[in-house]
Amino acid sequence: MTPSEQEDRLMRIRRGGCDIEGRWRLADGEVVVECSYGADRARVDGAPPARVAELLIARLAFAAMGGRVEPLMH
């Protein structure tokens, strides 16, 4: 793991009129996110890590607001 993979990065996204702030990092080929709605992780598998983080944070917010989400990893 490189030093840049260990550093948390801050992300702010806007979904459904809400501003959501979260932290994410790349660790062993997975994006790990944490925000006020919870935490999640997913493999990158060639996708841009920042985009994976954005989608994970949006999924956490959607689920917290009562939305139904399917697991990304089995």
PDB file of N, CA and C in Angstrom:
ATOM      1  N   MET A   1       0.851  -1.168   0.000  1.00  0.00           N
ATOM      2  CA  MET A   1       0.000   0.000   0.000  1.00  0.00           C
ATOM      3  C   MET A   1       0.902   1.238   0.000  1.00  0.00           C
ATOM      4  N   THR A   2       0.619   2.168  -0.888  1.00  0.00           N
ATOM      5  CA  THR A   2       1.412   3.389  -0.957  1.00  0.00           C
ATOM      6  C   THR A   2       0.903   4.395   0.063  1.00  0.00           C
ATOM      7  N   PRO A   3       1.741   5.388   0.430  1.00  0.00           N
ATOM      8  CA  PRO A   3       1.277   6.403   1.386  1.00  0.00           C
ATOM      9  C   PRO A   3       0.008   7.109   0.927  1.00  0.00           C
ATOM     10  N   SER A   4      -0.148   7.346  -0.380  1.00  0.00           N
ATOM     11  CA  SER A   4      -1.348   8.034  -0.849  1.00  0.00           C
ATOM     12  C   SER A   4      -2.599   7.174  -0.679  1.00  0.00           C
ATOM     13  N   GLU A   5      -2.445   5.844  -0.650  1.00  0.00           N
ATOM     14  CA  GLU A   5      -3.593   4.972  -0.426  1.00  0.00           C
ATOM     15  C   GLU A   5      -4.064   5.021   1.020  1.00  0.00           C
ATOM     16  N   GLN A   6      -3.193   5.414   1.930  1.00  0.00           N
ATOM     17  CA  GLN A   6      -3.541   5.433   3.349  1.00  0.00           C
ATOM     18  C   GLN A   6      -4.221   6.733   3.763  1.00  0.00           C
ATOM     19  N   GLU A   7      -4.123   7.779   2.957  1.00  0.00           N
ATOM     20  CA  GLU A   7      -4.643   9.092   3.334  1.00  0.00           C
ATOM     21  C   GLU A   7      -6.143   9.186   3.063  1.00  0.00           C
ATOM     22  N   ASP A   8      -6.887   9.710   4.046  1.00  0.00           N
ATOM     23  CA  ASP A   8      -8.306   9.977   3.847  1.00  0.00           C
ATOM     24  C   ASP A   8      -8.463  11.207   2.965  1.00  0.00           C
ATOM     25  N   ARG A   9      -9.446  11.157   2.095  1.00  0.00           N
ATOM     26  CA  ARG A   9      -9.755  12.295   1.231  1.00  0.00           C
ATOM     27  C   ARG A   9     -11.175  12.746   1.552  1.00  0.00           C
ATOM     28  N   LEU A  10     -11.396  14.035   1.537  1.00  0.00           N
ATOM     29  CA  LEU A  10     -12.708  14.602   1.818  1.00  0.00           C
ATOM     30  C   LEU A  10     -13.486  14.730   0.516  1.00  0.00           C
ATOM     31  N   MET A  11     -14.771  14.410   0.563  1.00  0.00           N
ATOM     32  CA  MET A  11     -15.623  14.536  -0.617  1.00  0.00           C
ATOM     33  C   MET A  11     -16.936  15.171  -0.199  1.00  0.00           C
ATOM     34  N   ARG A  12     -17.404  16.097  -1.013  1.00  0.00           N
ATOM     35  CA  ARG A  12     -18.721  16.706  -0.804  1.00  0.00           C
ATOM     36  C   ARG A  12     -19.545  16.455  -2.062  1.00  0.00           C
ATOM     37  N   ILE A  13     -20.736  15.896  -1.881  1.00  0.00           N
ATOM     38  CA  ILE A  13     -21.616  15.669  -3.024  1.00  0.00           C
ATOM     39  C   ILE A  13     -22.994  16.225  -2.702  1.00  0.00           C
ATOM     40  N   ARG A  14     -23.771  16.490  -3.738  1.00  0.00           N
ATOM     41  CA  ARG A  14     -25.129  16.994  -3.567  1.00  0.00           C
ATOM     42  C   ARG A  14     -26.086  15.994  -4.204  1.00  0.00           C
ATOM     43  N   ARG A  15     -27.019  15.496  -3.409  1.00  0.00           N
ATOM     44  CA  ARG A  15     -28.016  14.536  -3.890  1.00  0.00           C
ATOM     45  C   ARG A  15     -29.372  14.910  -3.303  1.00  0.00           C
ATOM     46  N   GLY A  16     -30.364  15.042  -4.154  1.00  0.00           N
ATOM     47  CA  GLY A  16     -31.728  15.299  -3.697  1.00  0.00           C
ATOM     48  C   GLY A  16     -31.860  16.530  -2.825  1.00  0.00           C
ATOM     49  N   GLY A  17     -31.104  17.563  -3.125  1.00  0.00           N
ATOM     50  CA  GLY A  17     -31.158  18.793  -2.350  1.00  0.00           C
ATOM     51  C   GLY A  17     -30.362  18.762  -1.061  1.00  0.00           C
ATOM     52  N   CYS A  18     -29.656  17.673  -0.789  1.00  0.00           N
ATOM     53  CA  CYS A  18     -28.845  17.547   0.426  1.00  0.00           C
ATOM     54  C   CYS A  18     -27.361  17.606   0.076  1.00  0.00           C
ATOM     55  N   ASP A  19     -26.624  18.330   0.876  1.00  0.00           N
ATOM     56  CA  ASP A  19     -25.169  18.310   0.767  1.00  0.00           C
ATOM     57  C   ASP A  19     -24.655  17.229   1.705  1.00  0.00           C
ATOM     58  N   ILE A  20     -23.872  16.312   1.169  1.00  0.00           N
ATOM     59  CA  ILE A  20     -23.358  15.187   1.948  1.00  0.00           C
ATOM     60  C   ILE A  20     -21.844  15.253   1.933  1.00  0.00           C
ATOM     61  N   GLU A  21     -21.246  15.173   3.103  1.00  0.00           N
ATOM     62  CA  GLU A  21     -19.793  15.192   3.220  1.00  0.00           C
ATOM     63  C   GLU A  21     -19.334  13.839   3.756  1.00  0.00           C
ATOM     64  N   GLY A  22     -18.297  13.320   3.154  1.00  0.00           N
ATOM     65  CA  GLY A  22     -17.758  12.044   3.605  1.00  0.00           C
ATOM     66  C   GLY A  22     -16.259  11.979   3.395  1.00  0.00           C
ATOM     67  N   ARG A  23     -15.660  10.983   3.966  1.00  0.00           N
ATOM     68  CA  ARG A  23     -14.227  10.729   3.783  1.00  0.00           C
ATOM     69  C   ARG A  23     -14.072   9.388   3.094  1.00  0.00           C
ATOM     70  N   TRP A  24     -13.050   9.300   2.246  1.00  0.00           N
ATOM     71  CA  TRP A  24     -12.793   8.035   1.579  1.00  0.00           C
ATOM     72  C   TRP A  24     -11.302   7.823   1.431  1.00  0.00           C
ATOM     73  N   ARG A  25     -10.932   6.554   1.277  1.00  0.00           N
ATOM     74  CA  ARG A  25      -9.532   6.203   1.045  1.00  0.00           C
ATOM     75  C   ARG A  25      -9.488   4.930   0.213  1.00  0.00           C
ATOM     76  N   LEU A  26      -8.381   4.724  -0.440  1.00  0.00           N
ATOM     77  CA  LEU A  26      -8.145   3.518  -1.214  1.00  0.00           C
ATOM     78  C   LEU A  26      -7.270   2.609  -0.374  1.00  0.00           C
ATOM     79  N   ALA A  27      -7.717   1.390  -0.154  1.00  0.00           N
ATOM     80  CA  ALA A  27      -6.971   0.439   0.675  1.00  0.00           C
ATOM     81  C   ALA A  27      -7.060  -0.950   0.057  1.00  0.00           C
ATOM     82  N   ASP A  28      -5.934  -1.474  -0.365  1.00  0.00           N
ATOM     83  CA  ASP A  28      -5.864  -2.834  -0.913  1.00  0.00           C
ATOM     84  C   ASP A  28      -6.866  -3.074  -2.040  1.00  0.00           C
ATOM     85  N   GLY A  29      -6.967  -2.124  -2.962  1.00  0.00           N
ATOM     86  CA  GLY A  29      -7.856  -2.291  -4.113  1.00  0.00           C
ATOM     87  C   GLY A  29      -9.320  -2.029  -3.833  1.00  0.00           C
ATOM     88  N   GLU A  30      -9.633  -1.551  -2.637  1.00  0.00           N
ATOM     89  CA  GLU A  30     -11.007  -1.216  -2.278  1.00  0.00           C
ATOM     90  C   GLU A  30     -11.102   0.250  -1.897  1.00  0.00           C
ATOM     91  N   VAL A  31     -12.237   0.848  -2.208  1.00  0.00           N
ATOM     92  CA  VAL A  31     -12.549   2.187  -1.726  1.00  0.00           C
ATOM     93  C   VAL A  31     -13.336   2.012  -0.434  1.00  0.00           C
ATOM     94  N   VAL A  32     -12.899   2.694   0.613  1.00  0.00           N
ATOM     95  CA  VAL A  32     -13.560   2.650   1.917  1.00  0.00           C
ATOM     96  C   VAL A  32     -14.102   4.048   2.193  1.00  0.00           C
ATOM     97  N   VAL A  33     -15.409   4.164   2.462  1.00  0.00           N
ATOM     98  CA  VAL A  33     -16.014   5.467   2.726  1.00  0.00           C
ATOM     99  C   VAL A  33     -16.636   5.496   4.115  1.00  0.00           C
ATOM    100  N   GLU A  34     -16.666   6.697   4.687  1.00  0.00           N
ATOM    101  CA  GLU A  34     -17.339   6.949   5.962  1.00  0.00           C
ATOM    102  C   GLU A  34     -18.020   8.301   5.859  1.00  0.00           C
ATOM    103  N   CYS A  35     -19.270   8.362   6.294  1.00  0.00           N
ATOM    104  CA  CYS A  35     -19.992   9.630   6.343  1.00  0.00           C
ATOM    105  C   CYS A  35     -20.997   9.547   7.484  1.00  0.00           C
ATOM    106  N   SER A  36     -21.780  10.589   7.659  1.00  0.00           N
ATOM    107  CA  SER A  36     -22.733  10.602   8.768  1.00  0.00           C
ATOM    108  C   SER A  36     -23.820   9.534   8.612  1.00  0.00           C
ATOM    109  N   TYR A  37     -23.959   8.958   7.425  1.00  0.00           N
ATOM    110  CA  TYR A  37     -24.960   7.918   7.180  1.00  0.00           C
ATOM    111  C   TYR A  37     -24.424   6.509   7.382  1.00  0.00           C
ATOM    112  N   GLY A  38     -23.124   6.373   7.635  1.00  0.00           N
ATOM    113  CA  GLY A  38     -22.550   5.056   7.863  1.00  0.00           C
ATOM    114  C   GLY A  38     -21.223   4.879   7.142  1.00  0.00           C
ATOM    115  N   ALA A  39     -20.855   3.631   6.927  1.00  0.00           N
ATOM    116  CA  ALA A  39     -19.596   3.300   6.257  1.00  0.00           C
ATOM    117  C   ALA A  39     -19.850   2.147   5.292  1.00  0.00           C
ATOM    118  N   ASP A  40     -19.043   2.095   4.238  1.00  0.00           N
ATOM    119  CA  ASP A  40     -19.176   1.027   3.249  1.00  0.00           C
ATOM    120  C   ASP A  40     -17.857   0.889   2.510  1.00  0.00           C
ATOM    121  N   ARG A  41     -17.743  -0.176   1.742  1.00  0.00           N
ATOM    122  CA  ARG A  41     -16.536  -0.404   0.942  1.00  0.00           C
ATOM    123  C   ARG A  41     -16.913  -1.180  -0.306  1.00  0.00           C
ATOM    124  N   ALA A  42     -16.100  -1.011  -1.355  1.00  0.00           N
ATOM    125  CA  ALA A  42     -16.313  -1.755  -2.600  1.00  0.00           C
ATOM    126  C   ALA A  42     -14.996  -1.843  -3.351  1.00  0.00           C
ATOM    127  N   ARG A  43     -14.829  -2.911  -4.112  1.00  0.00           N
ATOM    128  CA  ARG A  43     -13.636  -3.081  -4.942  1.00  0.00           C
ATOM    129  C   ARG A  43     -13.665  -2.065  -6.077  1.00  0.00           C
ATOM    130  N   VAL A  44     -12.484  -1.624  -6.477  1.00  0.00           N
ATOM    131  CA  VAL A  44     -12.370  -0.635  -7.547  1.00  0.00           C
ATOM    132  C   VAL A  44     -12.536  -1.304  -8.914  1.00  0.00           C
ATOM    133  N   ASP A  45     -11.855  -2.408  -9.146  1.00  0.00           N
ATOM    134  CA  ASP A  45     -11.951  -3.161 -10.404  1.00  0.00           C
ATOM    135  C   ASP A  45     -11.849  -2.275 -11.644  1.00  0.00           C
ATOM    136  N   GLY A  46     -10.888  -1.357 -11.661  1.00  0.00           N
ATOM    137  CA  GLY A  46     -10.625  -0.524 -12.830  1.00  0.00           C
ATOM    138  C   GLY A  46     -11.413   0.769 -12.904  1.00  0.00           C
ATOM    139  N   ALA A  47     -12.393   0.959 -12.047  1.00  0.00           N
ATOM    140  CA  ALA A  47     -13.174   2.200 -12.045  1.00  0.00           C
ATOM    141  C   ALA A  47     -12.389   3.302 -11.335  1.00  0.00           C
ATOM    142  N   PRO A  48     -12.666   4.565 -11.660  1.00  0.00           N
ATOM    143  CA  PRO A  48     -11.999   5.660 -10.944  1.00  0.00           C
ATOM    144  C   PRO A  48     -12.381   5.634  -9.457  1.00  0.00           C
ATOM    145  N   PRO A  49     -11.408   5.572  -8.553  1.00  0.00           N
ATOM    146  CA  PRO A  49     -11.720   5.473  -7.119  1.00  0.00           C
ATOM    147  C   PRO A  49     -12.621   6.592  -6.596  1.00  0.00           C
ATOM    148  N   ALA A  50     -12.445   7.816  -7.074  1.00  0.00           N
ATOM    149  CA  ALA A  50     -13.283   8.921  -6.599  1.00  0.00           C
ATOM    150  C   ALA A  50     -14.742   8.708  -6.997  1.00  0.00           C
ATOM    151  N   ARG A  51     -14.977   8.151  -8.164  1.00  0.00           N
ATOM    152  CA  ARG A  51     -16.349   7.881  -8.613  1.00  0.00           C
ATOM    153  C   ARG A  51     -16.981   6.764  -7.777  1.00  0.00           C
ATOM    154  N   VAL A  52     -16.207   5.742  -7.466  1.00  0.00           N
ATOM    155  CA  VAL A  52     -16.699   4.661  -6.607  1.00  0.00           C
ATOM    156  C   VAL A  52     -17.074   5.232  -5.239  1.00  0.00           C
ATOM    157  N   ALA A  53     -16.228   6.103  -4.692  1.00  0.00           N
ATOM    158  CA  ALA A  53     -16.509   6.727  -3.396  1.00  0.00           C
ATOM    159  C   ALA A  53     -17.790   7.548  -3.456  1.00  0.00           C
ATOM    160  N   GLU A  54     -17.961   8.321  -4.522  1.00  0.00           N
ATOM    161  CA  GLU A  54     -19.167   9.137  -4.678  1.00  0.00           C
ATOM    162  C   GLU A  54     -20.422   8.262  -4.702  1.00  0.00           C
ATOM    163  N   LEU A  55     -20.375   7.172  -5.434  1.00  0.00           N
ATOM    164  CA  LEU A  55     -21.529   6.272  -5.506  1.00  0.00           C
ATOM    165  C   LEU A  55     -21.822   5.603  -4.166  1.00  0.00           C
ATOM    166  N   LEU A  56     -20.784   5.204  -3.447  1.00  0.00           N
ATOM    167  CA  LEU A  56     -20.988   4.582  -2.137  1.00  0.00           C
ATOM    168  C   LEU A  56     -21.618   5.557  -1.150  1.00  0.00           C
ATOM    169  N   ILE A  57     -21.134   6.789  -1.124  1.00  0.00           N
ATOM    170  CA  ILE A  57     -21.693   7.796  -0.213  1.00  0.00           C
ATOM    171  C   ILE A  57     -23.148   8.077  -0.577  1.00  0.00           C
ATOM    172  N   ALA A  58     -23.445   8.191  -1.866  1.00  0.00           N
ATOM    173  CA  ALA A  58     -24.823   8.430  -2.301  1.00  0.00           C
ATOM    174  C   ALA A  58     -25.726   7.258  -1.914  1.00  0.00           C
ATOM    175  N   ARG A  59     -25.231   6.026  -2.037  1.00  0.00           N
ATOM    176  CA  ARG A  59     -26.007   4.839  -1.638  1.00  0.00           C
ATOM    177  C   ARG A  59     -26.309   4.845  -0.143  1.00  0.00           C
ATOM    178  N   LEU A  60     -25.314   5.214   0.669  1.00  0.00           N
ATOM    179  CA  LEU A  60     -25.530   5.270   2.118  1.00  0.00           C
ATOM    180  C   LEU A  60     -26.612   6.287   2.460  1.00  0.00           C
ATOM    181  N   ALA A  61     -26.554   7.453   1.835  1.00  0.00           N
ATOM    182  CA  ALA A  61     -27.550   8.493   2.094  1.00  0.00           C
ATOM    183  C   ALA A  61     -28.935   8.025   1.649  1.00  0.00           C
ATOM    184  N   PHE A  62     -29.024   7.405   0.481  1.00  0.00           N
ATOM    185  CA  PHE A  62     -30.295   6.909  -0.044  1.00  0.00           C
ATOM    186  C   PHE A  62     -30.904   5.869   0.899  1.00  0.00           C
ATOM    187  N   ALA A  63     -30.076   4.951   1.373  1.00  0.00           N
ATOM    188  CA  ALA A  63     -30.549   3.916   2.293  1.00  0.00           C
ATOM    189  C   ALA A  63     -31.013   4.522   3.613  1.00  0.00           C
ATOM    190  N   ALA A  64     -30.296   5.526   4.103  1.00  0.00           N
ATOM    191  CA  ALA A  64     -30.666   6.168   5.367  1.00  0.00           C
ATOM    192  C   ALA A  64     -31.999   6.901   5.253  1.00  0.00           C
ATOM    193  N   MET A  65     -32.345   7.323   4.042  1.00  0.00           N
ATOM    194  CA  MET A  65     -33.606   8.032   3.823  1.00  0.00           C
ATOM    195  C   MET A  65     -34.743   7.079   3.463  1.00  0.00           C
ATOM    196  N   GLY A  66     -34.497   5.777   3.649  1.00  0.00           N
ATOM    197  CA  GLY A  66     -35.554   4.799   3.437  1.00  0.00           C
ATOM    198  C   GLY A  66     -35.529   4.099   2.092  1.00  0.00           C
ATOM    199  N   GLY A  67     -34.550   4.397   1.266  1.00  0.00           N
ATOM    200  CA  GLY A  67     -34.458   3.736  -0.036  1.00  0.00           C
ATOM    201  C   GLY A  67     -33.932   2.315   0.097  1.00  0.00           C
ATOM    202  N   ARG A  68     -34.308   1.464  -0.838  1.00  0.00           N
ATOM    203  CA  ARG A  68     -33.842   0.074  -0.830  1.00  0.00           C
ATOM    204  C   ARG A  68     -32.663  -0.039  -1.780  1.00  0.00           C
ATOM    205  N   VAL A  69     -31.547  -0.548  -1.279  1.00  0.00           N
ATOM    206  CA  VAL A  69     -30.362  -0.742  -2.111  1.00  0.00           C
ATOM    207  C   VAL A  69     -29.944  -2.203  -2.056  1.00  0.00           C
ATOM    208  N   GLU A  70     -29.451  -2.687  -3.170  1.00  0.00           N
ATOM    209  CA  GLU A  70     -28.951  -4.053  -3.262  1.00  0.00           C
ATOM    210  C   GLU A  70     -27.469  -4.065  -2.915  1.00  0.00           C
ATOM    211  N   PRO A  71     -26.961  -5.152  -2.349  1.00  0.00           N
ATOM    212  CA  PRO A  71     -25.530  -5.231  -2.034  1.00  0.00           C
ATOM    213  C   PRO A  71     -24.684  -5.133  -3.303  1.00  0.00           C
ATOM    214  N   LEU A  72     -23.553  -4.444  -3.202  1.00  0.00           N
ATOM    215  CA  LEU A  72     -22.635  -4.351  -4.333  1.00  0.00           C
ATOM    216  C   LEU A  72     -21.772  -5.589  -4.442  1.00  0.00           C
ATOM    217  N   MET A  73     -21.419  -6.174  -3.292  1.00  0.00           N
ATOM    218  CA  MET A  73     -20.535  -7.335  -3.271  1.00  0.00           C
ATOM    219  C   MET A  73     -21.268  -8.504  -2.626  1.00  0.00           C
ATOM    220  N   HIS A  74     -21.050  -9.686  -3.150  1.00  0.00           N
ATOM    221  CA  HIS A  74     -21.710 -10.880  -2.590  1.00  0.00           C
ATOM    222  C   HIS A  74     -20.701 -11.726  -1.880  1.00  0.00           C
TER     223      HIS A  74
END
